[in-house]
Amino acid sequence: AVDTTFVSAKLTVKVEKKFLFFFWDEVGTWTSTCTEVFGRYYHEMPLTGAGTYRATFVLEVTGTDGTVDVIDGVIENAT
């Protein structure tokens, strides 16, 4: 196994609102990069009223050997 050291992390979040039961309308996208091992991400995005929203996120962590580990997921919530 190769021992890698953290270089940076890039977080991309896309927020969408459901309409017409099956379709999604993009509310906004936000991207931030951090070079601190214990960095924090904080961002506020205004929502356009009650409804069902989802956030799609991708976290890309880069090591000194050039490898990129990717963590992704979707969170959906009705308000």
PDB file of N, CA and C in Angstrom:
ATOM      1  N   ALA A   1       0.842  -1.185   0.000  1.00  0.00           N
ATOM      2  CA  ALA A   1       0.000   0.000   0.000  1.00  0.00           C
ATOM      3  C   ALA A   1       0.885   1.245   0.000  1.00  0.00           C
ATOM      4  N   VAL A   2       0.423   2.232  -0.730  1.00  0.00           N
ATOM      5  CA  VAL A   2       1.152   3.492  -0.819  1.00  0.00           C
ATOM      6  C   VAL A   2       0.657   4.420   0.271  1.00  0.00           C
ATOM      7  N   ASP A   3       1.586   5.027   0.997  1.00  0.00           N
ATOM      8  CA  ASP A   3       1.235   5.982   2.039  1.00  0.00           C
ATOM      9  C   ASP A   3       1.090   7.354   1.397  1.00  0.00           C
ATOM     10  N   THR A   4      -0.126   7.927   1.417  1.00  0.00           N
ATOM     11  CA  THR A   4      -0.353   9.235   0.818  1.00  0.00           C
ATOM     12  C   THR A   4      -0.596  10.272   1.898  1.00  0.00           C
ATOM     13  N   THR A   5      -0.338  11.497   1.554  1.00  0.00           N
ATOM     14  CA  THR A   5      -0.580  12.612   2.448  1.00  0.00           C
ATOM     15  C   THR A   5      -1.593  13.534   1.802  1.00  0.00           C
ATOM     16  N   PHE A   6      -2.453  14.098   2.600  1.00  0.00           N
ATOM     17  CA  PHE A   6      -3.496  15.008   2.142  1.00  0.00           C
ATOM     18  C   PHE A   6      -2.904  16.263   1.510  1.00  0.00           C
ATOM     19  N   VAL A   7      -3.461  16.662   0.362  1.00  0.00           N
ATOM     20  CA  VAL A   7      -3.073  17.909  -0.290  1.00  0.00           C
ATOM     21  C   VAL A   7      -4.230  18.903  -0.250  1.00  0.00           C
ATOM     22  N   SER A   8      -5.403  18.466  -0.730  1.00  0.00           N
ATOM     23  CA  SER A   8      -6.553  19.367  -0.764  1.00  0.00           C
ATOM     24  C   SER A   8      -7.855  18.577  -0.867  1.00  0.00           C
ATOM     25  N   ALA A   9      -8.940  19.293  -0.582  1.00  0.00           N
ATOM     26  CA  ALA A   9     -10.275  18.726  -0.738  1.00  0.00           C
ATOM     27  C   ALA A   9     -11.138  19.750  -1.453  1.00  0.00           C
ATOM     28  N   LYS A  10     -11.930  19.287  -2.408  1.00  0.00           N
ATOM     29  CA  LYS A  10     -12.825  20.166  -3.161  1.00  0.00           C
ATOM     30  C   LYS A  10     -14.250  19.650  -2.976  1.00  0.00           C
ATOM     31  N   LEU A  11     -15.137  20.528  -2.511  1.00  0.00           N
ATOM     32  CA  LEU A  11     -16.535  20.175  -2.289  1.00  0.00           C
ATOM     33  C   LEU A  11     -17.398  20.939  -3.279  1.00  0.00           C
ATOM     34  N   THR A  12     -18.266  20.210  -3.989  1.00  0.00           N
ATOM     35  CA  THR A  12     -19.228  20.823  -4.898  1.00  0.00           C
ATOM     36  C   THR A  12     -20.624  20.381  -4.469  1.00  0.00           C
ATOM     37  N   VAL A  13     -21.518  21.354  -4.283  1.00  0.00           N
ATOM     38  CA  VAL A  13     -22.895  21.072  -3.862  1.00  0.00           C
ATOM     39  C   VAL A  13     -23.844  21.731  -4.860  1.00  0.00           C
ATOM     40  N   LYS A  14     -24.816  20.944  -5.351  1.00  0.00           N
ATOM     41  CA  LYS A  14     -25.861  21.471  -6.232  1.00  0.00           C
ATOM     42  C   LYS A  14     -27.202  21.268  -5.535  1.00  0.00           C
ATOM     43  N   VAL A  15     -27.997  22.349  -5.407  1.00  0.00           N
ATOM     44  CA  VAL A  15     -29.307  22.278  -4.766  1.00  0.00           C
ATOM     45  C   VAL A  15     -30.374  22.444  -5.837  1.00  0.00           C
ATOM     46  N   GLU A  16     -31.393  21.564  -5.788  1.00  0.00           N
ATOM     47  CA  GLU A  16     -32.491  21.589  -6.755  1.00  0.00           C
ATOM     48  C   GLU A  16     -33.826  21.497  -6.028  1.00  0.00           C
ATOM     49  N   LYS A  17     -34.874  22.041  -6.658  1.00  0.00           N
ATOM     50  CA  LYS A  17     -36.241  21.969  -6.120  1.00  0.00           C
ATOM     51  C   LYS A  17     -37.119  21.194  -7.100  1.00  0.00           C
ATOM     52  N   LYS A  18     -37.920  20.270  -6.561  1.00  0.00           N
ATOM     53  CA  LYS A  18     -38.798  19.441  -7.395  1.00  0.00           C
ATOM     54  C   LYS A  18     -40.004  20.259  -7.864  1.00  0.00           C
ATOM     55  N   PHE A  19     -40.403  20.044  -9.126  1.00  0.00           N
ATOM     56  CA  PHE A  19     -41.628  20.647  -9.650  1.00  0.00           C
ATOM     57  C   PHE A  19     -42.305  19.659 -10.595  1.00  0.00           C
ATOM     58  N   LEU A  20     -43.600  19.756 -10.702  1.00  0.00           N
ATOM     59  CA  LEU A  20     -44.408  18.873 -11.553  1.00  0.00           C
ATOM     60  C   LEU A  20     -44.146  17.390 -11.260  1.00  0.00           C
ATOM     61  N   PHE A  21     -43.968  17.048  -9.999  1.00  0.00           N
ATOM     62  CA  PHE A  21     -43.840  15.681  -9.483  1.00  0.00           C
ATOM     63  C   PHE A  21     -42.580  14.911  -9.901  1.00  0.00           C
ATOM     64  N   PHE A  22     -42.006  15.191 -11.062  1.00  0.00           N
ATOM     65  CA  PHE A  22     -40.893  14.383 -11.563  1.00  0.00           C
ATOM     66  C   PHE A  22     -39.645  15.180 -11.948  1.00  0.00           C
ATOM     67  N   PHE A  23     -39.755  16.489 -12.041  1.00  0.00           N
ATOM     68  CA  PHE A  23     -38.681  17.306 -12.580  1.00  0.00           C
ATOM     69  C   PHE A  23     -37.989  18.100 -11.479  1.00  0.00           C
ATOM     70  N   TRP A  24     -36.738  18.460 -11.738  1.00  0.00           N
ATOM     71  CA  TRP A  24     -35.943  19.214 -10.778  1.00  0.00           C
ATOM     72  C   TRP A  24     -35.447  20.495 -11.431  1.00  0.00           C
ATOM     73  N   ASP A  25     -35.551  21.611 -10.690  1.00  0.00           N
ATOM     74  CA  ASP A  25     -35.085  22.907 -11.145  1.00  0.00           C
ATOM     75  C   ASP A  25     -33.906  23.326 -10.265  1.00  0.00           C
ATOM     76  N   GLU A  26     -32.779  23.674 -10.867  1.00  0.00           N
ATOM     77  CA  GLU A  26     -31.597  24.025 -10.088  1.00  0.00           C
ATOM     78  C   GLU A  26     -31.778  25.358  -9.361  1.00  0.00           C
ATOM     79  N   VAL A  27     -31.538  25.341  -8.054  1.00  0.00           N
ATOM     80  CA  VAL A  27     -31.605  26.536  -7.227  1.00  0.00           C
ATOM     81  C   VAL A  27     -30.247  27.218  -7.204  1.00  0.00           C
ATOM     82  N   GLY A  28     -29.189  26.428  -7.164  1.00  0.00           N
ATOM     83  CA  GLY A  28     -27.848  26.994  -7.150  1.00  0.00           C
ATOM     84  C   GLY A  28     -26.783  25.933  -7.013  1.00  0.00           C
ATOM     85  N   THR A  29     -25.542  26.313  -7.323  1.00  0.00           N
ATOM     86  CA  THR A  29     -24.390  25.428  -7.193  1.00  0.00           C
ATOM     87  C   THR A  29     -23.306  26.186  -6.452  1.00  0.00           C
ATOM     88  N   TRP A  30     -22.580  25.472  -5.618  1.00  0.00           N
ATOM     89  CA  TRP A  30     -21.517  26.076  -4.821  1.00  0.00           C
ATOM     90  C   TRP A  30     -20.321  25.145  -4.802  1.00  0.00           C
ATOM     91  N   THR A  31     -19.112  25.705  -4.970  1.00  0.00           N
ATOM     92  CA  THR A  31     -17.882  24.923  -4.935  1.00  0.00           C
ATOM     93  C   THR A  31     -16.859  25.634  -4.056  1.00  0.00           C
ATOM     94  N   SER A  32     -16.133  24.847  -3.251  1.00  0.00           N
ATOM     95  CA  SER A  32     -15.082  25.405  -2.408  1.00  0.00           C
ATOM     96  C   SER A  32     -13.948  24.400  -2.298  1.00  0.00           C
ATOM     97  N   THR A  33     -12.716  24.915  -2.207  1.00  0.00           N
ATOM     98  CA  THR A  33     -11.540  24.077  -2.043  1.00  0.00           C
ATOM     99  C   THR A  33     -10.847  24.443  -0.742  1.00  0.00           C
ATOM    100  N   CYS A  34     -10.349  23.421  -0.040  1.00  0.00           N
ATOM    101  CA  CYS A  34      -9.693  23.623   1.242  1.00  0.00           C
ATOM    102  C   CYS A  34      -8.376  22.847   1.250  1.00  0.00           C
ATOM    103  N   THR A  35      -7.339  23.456   1.813  1.00  0.00           N
ATOM    104  CA  THR A  35      -6.049  22.789   1.906  1.00  0.00           C
ATOM    105  C   THR A  35      -5.693  22.440   3.349  1.00  0.00           C
ATOM    106  N   GLU A  36      -6.622  22.647   4.271  1.00  0.00           N
ATOM    107  CA  GLU A  36      -6.405  22.302   5.670  1.00  0.00           C
ATOM    108  C   GLU A  36      -6.993  20.925   5.949  1.00  0.00           C
ATOM    109  N   VAL A  37      -6.275  20.093   6.685  1.00  0.00           N
ATOM    110  CA  VAL A  37      -6.737  18.736   6.978  1.00  0.00           C
ATOM    111  C   VAL A  37      -8.075  18.761   7.707  1.00  0.00           C
ATOM    112  N   PHE A  38      -8.234  19.686   8.644  1.00  0.00           N
ATOM    113  CA  PHE A  38      -9.478  19.774   9.404  1.00  0.00           C
ATOM    114  C   PHE A  38     -10.277  21.002   9.001  1.00  0.00           C
ATOM    115  N   GLY A  39     -10.295  21.314   7.715  1.00  0.00           N
ATOM    116  CA  GLY A  39     -11.029  22.476   7.214  1.00  0.00           C
ATOM    117  C   GLY A  39     -12.536  22.278   7.333  1.00  0.00           C
ATOM    118  N   ARG A  40     -13.247  23.396   7.337  1.00  0.00           N
ATOM    119  CA  ARG A  40     -14.715  23.368   7.393  1.00  0.00           C
ATOM    120  C   ARG A  40     -15.275  24.127   6.199  1.00  0.00           C
ATOM    121  N   TYR A  41     -16.437  23.674   5.747  1.00  0.00           N
ATOM    122  CA  TYR A  41     -17.128  24.333   4.648  1.00  0.00           C
ATOM    123  C   TYR A  41     -18.411  24.938   5.203  1.00  0.00           C
ATOM    124  N   TYR A  42     -18.702  26.163   4.805  1.00  0.00           N
ATOM    125  CA  TYR A  42     -19.929  26.810   5.239  1.00  0.00           C
ATOM    126  C   TYR A  42     -20.436  27.685   4.107  1.00  0.00           C
ATOM    127  N   HIS A  43     -21.717  27.542   3.785  1.00  0.00           N
ATOM    128  CA  HIS A  43     -22.319  28.357   2.730  1.00  0.00           C
ATOM    129  C   HIS A  43     -23.832  28.354   2.933  1.00  0.00           C
ATOM    130  N   GLU A  44     -24.449  29.493   2.741  1.00  0.00           N
ATOM    131  CA  GLU A  44     -25.911  29.590   2.801  1.00  0.00           C
ATOM    132  C   GLU A  44     -26.445  29.804   1.395  1.00  0.00           C
ATOM    133  N   MET A  45     -27.556  29.105   1.098  1.00  0.00           N
ATOM    134  CA  MET A  45     -28.184  29.242  -0.204  1.00  0.00           C
ATOM    135  C   MET A  45     -29.676  29.467   0.031  1.00  0.00           C
ATOM    136  N   PRO A  46     -30.227  30.608  -0.395  1.00  0.00           N
ATOM    137  CA  PRO A  46     -31.649  30.876  -0.166  1.00  0.00           C
ATOM    138  C   PRO A  46     -32.530  29.908  -0.960  1.00  0.00           C
ATOM    139  N   LEU A  47     -33.587  29.426  -0.314  1.00  0.00           N
ATOM    140  CA  LEU A  47     -34.533  28.523  -0.973  1.00  0.00           C
ATOM    141  C   LEU A  47     -35.770  29.308  -1.366  1.00  0.00           C
ATOM    142  N   THR A  48     -36.490  28.814  -2.353  1.00  0.00           N
ATOM    143  CA  THR A  48     -37.621  29.551  -2.917  1.00  0.00           C
ATOM    144  C   THR A  48     -38.958  29.049  -2.389  1.00  0.00           C
ATOM    145  N   GLY A  49     -39.101  28.919  -1.077  1.00  0.00           N
ATOM    146  CA  GLY A  49     -40.365  28.510  -0.472  1.00  0.00           C
ATOM    147  C   GLY A  49     -40.431  27.025  -0.185  1.00  0.00           C
ATOM    148  N   ALA A  50     -41.601  26.590   0.318  1.00  0.00           N
ATOM    149  CA  ALA A  50     -41.806  25.200   0.701  1.00  0.00           C
ATOM    150  C   ALA A  50     -41.788  24.301  -0.527  1.00  0.00           C
ATOM    151  N   GLY A  51     -41.442  23.048  -0.306  1.00  0.00           N
ATOM    152  CA  GLY A  51     -41.404  22.084  -1.395  1.00  0.00           C
ATOM    153  C   GLY A  51     -40.411  20.986  -1.080  1.00  0.00           C
ATOM    154  N   THR A  52     -40.085  20.190  -2.080  1.00  0.00           N
ATOM    155  CA  THR A  52     -39.104  19.126  -1.927  1.00  0.00           C
ATOM    156  C   THR A  52     -37.810  19.574  -2.581  1.00  0.00           C
ATOM    157  N   TYR A  53     -36.744  19.534  -1.800  1.00  0.00           N
ATOM    158  CA  TYR A  53     -35.426  19.935  -2.271  1.00  0.00           C
ATOM    159  C   TYR A  53     -34.477  18.750  -2.197  1.00  0.00           C
ATOM    160  N   ARG A  54     -33.440  18.786  -3.022  1.00  0.00           N
ATOM    161  CA  ARG A  54     -32.375  17.793  -2.897  1.00  0.00           C
ATOM    162  C   ARG A  54     -31.029  18.499  -3.093  1.00  0.00           C
ATOM    163  N   ALA A  55     -30.050  17.979  -2.394  1.00  0.00           N
ATOM    164  CA  ALA A  55     -28.686  18.475  -2.529  1.00  0.00           C
ATOM    165  C   ALA A  55     -27.826  17.318  -3.006  1.00  0.00           C
ATOM    166  N   THR A  56     -27.117  17.526  -4.088  1.00  0.00           N
ATOM    167  CA  THR A  56     -26.173  16.547  -4.615  1.00  0.00           C
ATOM    168  C   THR A  56     -24.783  17.061  -4.281  1.00  0.00           C
ATOM    169  N   PHE A  57     -23.976  16.224  -3.651  1.00  0.00           N
ATOM    170  CA  PHE A  57     -22.646  16.684  -3.281  1.00  0.00           C
ATOM    171  C   PHE A  57     -21.569  15.727  -3.770  1.00  0.00           C
ATOM    172  N   VAL A  58     -20.400  16.308  -4.074  1.00  0.00           N
ATOM    173  CA  VAL A  58     -19.227  15.546  -4.487  1.00  0.00           C
ATOM    174  C   VAL A  58     -18.034  16.117  -3.719  1.00  0.00           C
ATOM    175  N   LEU A  59     -17.336  15.266  -2.983  1.00  0.00           N
ATOM    176  CA  LEU A  59     -16.132  15.651  -2.262  1.00  0.00           C
ATOM    177  C   LEU A  59     -14.966  14.907  -2.900  1.00  0.00           C
ATOM    178  N   GLU A  60     -13.989  15.668  -3.412  1.00  0.00           N
ATOM    179  CA  GLU A  60     -12.804  15.098  -4.045  1.00  0.00           C
ATOM    180  C   GLU A  60     -11.592  15.404  -3.170  1.00  0.00           C
ATOM    181  N   VAL A  61     -10.941  14.360  -2.674  1.00  0.00           N
ATOM    182  CA  VAL A  61      -9.783  14.511  -1.800  1.00  0.00           C
ATOM    183  C   VAL A  61      -8.543  14.079  -2.569  1.00  0.00           C
ATOM    184  N   THR A  62      -7.578  14.998  -2.696  1.00  0.00           N
ATOM    185  CA  THR A  62      -6.358  14.751  -3.459  1.00  0.00           C
ATOM    186  C   THR A  62      -5.187  14.488  -2.519  1.00  0.00           C
ATOM    187  N   GLY A  63      -4.402  13.438  -2.831  1.00  0.00           N
ATOM    188  CA  GLY A  63      -3.211  13.102  -2.061  1.00  0.00           C
ATOM    189  C   GLY A  63      -1.949  13.552  -2.777  1.00  0.00           C
ATOM    190  N   THR A  64      -0.817  13.521  -2.084  1.00  0.00           N
ATOM    191  CA  THR A  64       0.453  13.975  -2.676  1.00  0.00           C
ATOM    192  C   THR A  64       0.899  13.129  -3.861  1.00  0.00           C
ATOM    193  N   ASP A  65       0.411  11.898  -3.937  1.00  0.00           N
ATOM    194  CA  ASP A  65       0.788  11.044  -5.067  1.00  0.00           C
ATOM    195  C   ASP A  65      -0.116  11.268  -6.287  1.00  0.00           C
ATOM    196  N   GLY A  66      -1.024  12.240  -6.188  1.00  0.00           N
ATOM    197  CA  GLY A  66      -1.899  12.566  -7.309  1.00  0.00           C
ATOM    198  C   GLY A  66      -3.213  11.820  -7.335  1.00  0.00           C
ATOM    199  N   THR A  67      -3.398  10.853  -6.438  1.00  0.00           N
ATOM    200  CA  THR A  67      -4.664  10.129  -6.416  1.00  0.00           C
ATOM    201  C   THR A  67      -5.778  11.026  -5.900  1.00  0.00           C
ATOM    202  N   VAL A  68      -6.982  10.787  -6.407  1.00  0.00           N
ATOM    203  CA  VAL A  68      -8.154  11.544  -5.977  1.00  0.00           C
ATOM    204  C   VAL A  68      -9.208  10.544  -5.518  1.00  0.00           C
ATOM    205  N   ASP A  69      -9.574  10.639  -4.242  1.00  0.00           N
ATOM    206  CA  ASP A  69     -10.666   9.834  -3.705  1.00  0.00           C
ATOM    207  C   ASP A  69     -11.936  10.666  -3.807  1.00  0.00           C
ATOM    208  N   VAL A  70     -13.041  10.040  -4.250  1.00  0.00           N
ATOM    209  CA  VAL A  70     -14.298  10.757  -4.450  1.00  0.00           C
ATOM    210  C   VAL A  70     -15.375  10.156  -3.550  1.00  0.00           C
ATOM    211  N   ILE A  71     -16.050  11.050  -2.839  1.00  0.00           N
ATOM    212  CA  ILE A  71     -17.212  10.679  -2.033  1.00  0.00           C
ATOM    213  C   ILE A  71     -18.369  11.496  -2.580  1.00  0.00           C
ATOM    214  N   ASP A  72     -19.477  10.828  -2.930  1.00  0.00           N
ATOM    215  CA  ASP A  72     -20.618  11.572  -3.449  1.00  0.00           C
ATOM    216  C   ASP A  72     -21.911  11.044  -2.855  1.00  0.00           C
ATOM    217  N   GLY A  73     -22.958  11.839  -2.956  1.00  0.00           N
ATOM    218  CA  GLY A  73     -24.233  11.425  -2.420  1.00  0.00           C
ATOM    219  C   GLY A  73     -25.311  12.433  -2.693  1.00  0.00           C
ATOM    220  N   VAL A  74     -26.539  12.065  -2.315  1.00  0.00           N
ATOM    221  CA  VAL A  74     -27.709  12.922  -2.511  1.00  0.00           C
ATOM    222  C   VAL A  74     -28.514  12.916  -1.208  1.00  0.00           C
ATOM    223  N   ILE A  75     -28.946  14.118  -0.808  1.00  0.00           N
ATOM    224  CA  ILE A  75     -29.815  14.262   0.345  1.00  0.00           C
ATOM    225  C   ILE A  75     -31.095  14.928  -0.160  1.00  0.00           C
ATOM    226  N   GLU A  76     -32.254  14.324   0.151  1.00  0.00           N
ATOM    227  CA  GLU A  76     -33.543  14.880  -0.298  1.00  0.00           C
ATOM    228  C   GLU A  76     -34.417  15.120   0.921  1.00  0.00           C
ATOM    229  N   ASN A  77     -35.114  16.271   0.927  1.00  0.00           N
ATOM    230  CA  ASN A  77     -35.932  16.631   2.080  1.00  0.00           C
ATOM    231  C   ASN A  77     -37.143  17.439   1.631  1.00  0.00           C
ATOM    232  N   ALA A  78     -38.308  17.125   2.168  1.00  0.00           N
ATOM    233  CA  ALA A  78     -39.522  17.897   1.902  1.00  0.00           C
ATOM    234  C   ALA A  78     -39.719  18.911   3.022  1.00  0.00           C
ATOM    235  N   THR A  79     -40.004  20.171   2.659  1.00  0.00           N
ATOM    236  CA  THR A  79     -40.242  21.214   3.664  1.00  0.00           C
ATOM    237  C   THR A  79     -41.666  21.669   3.654  1.00  0.00           C
TER     238      THR A  79
END
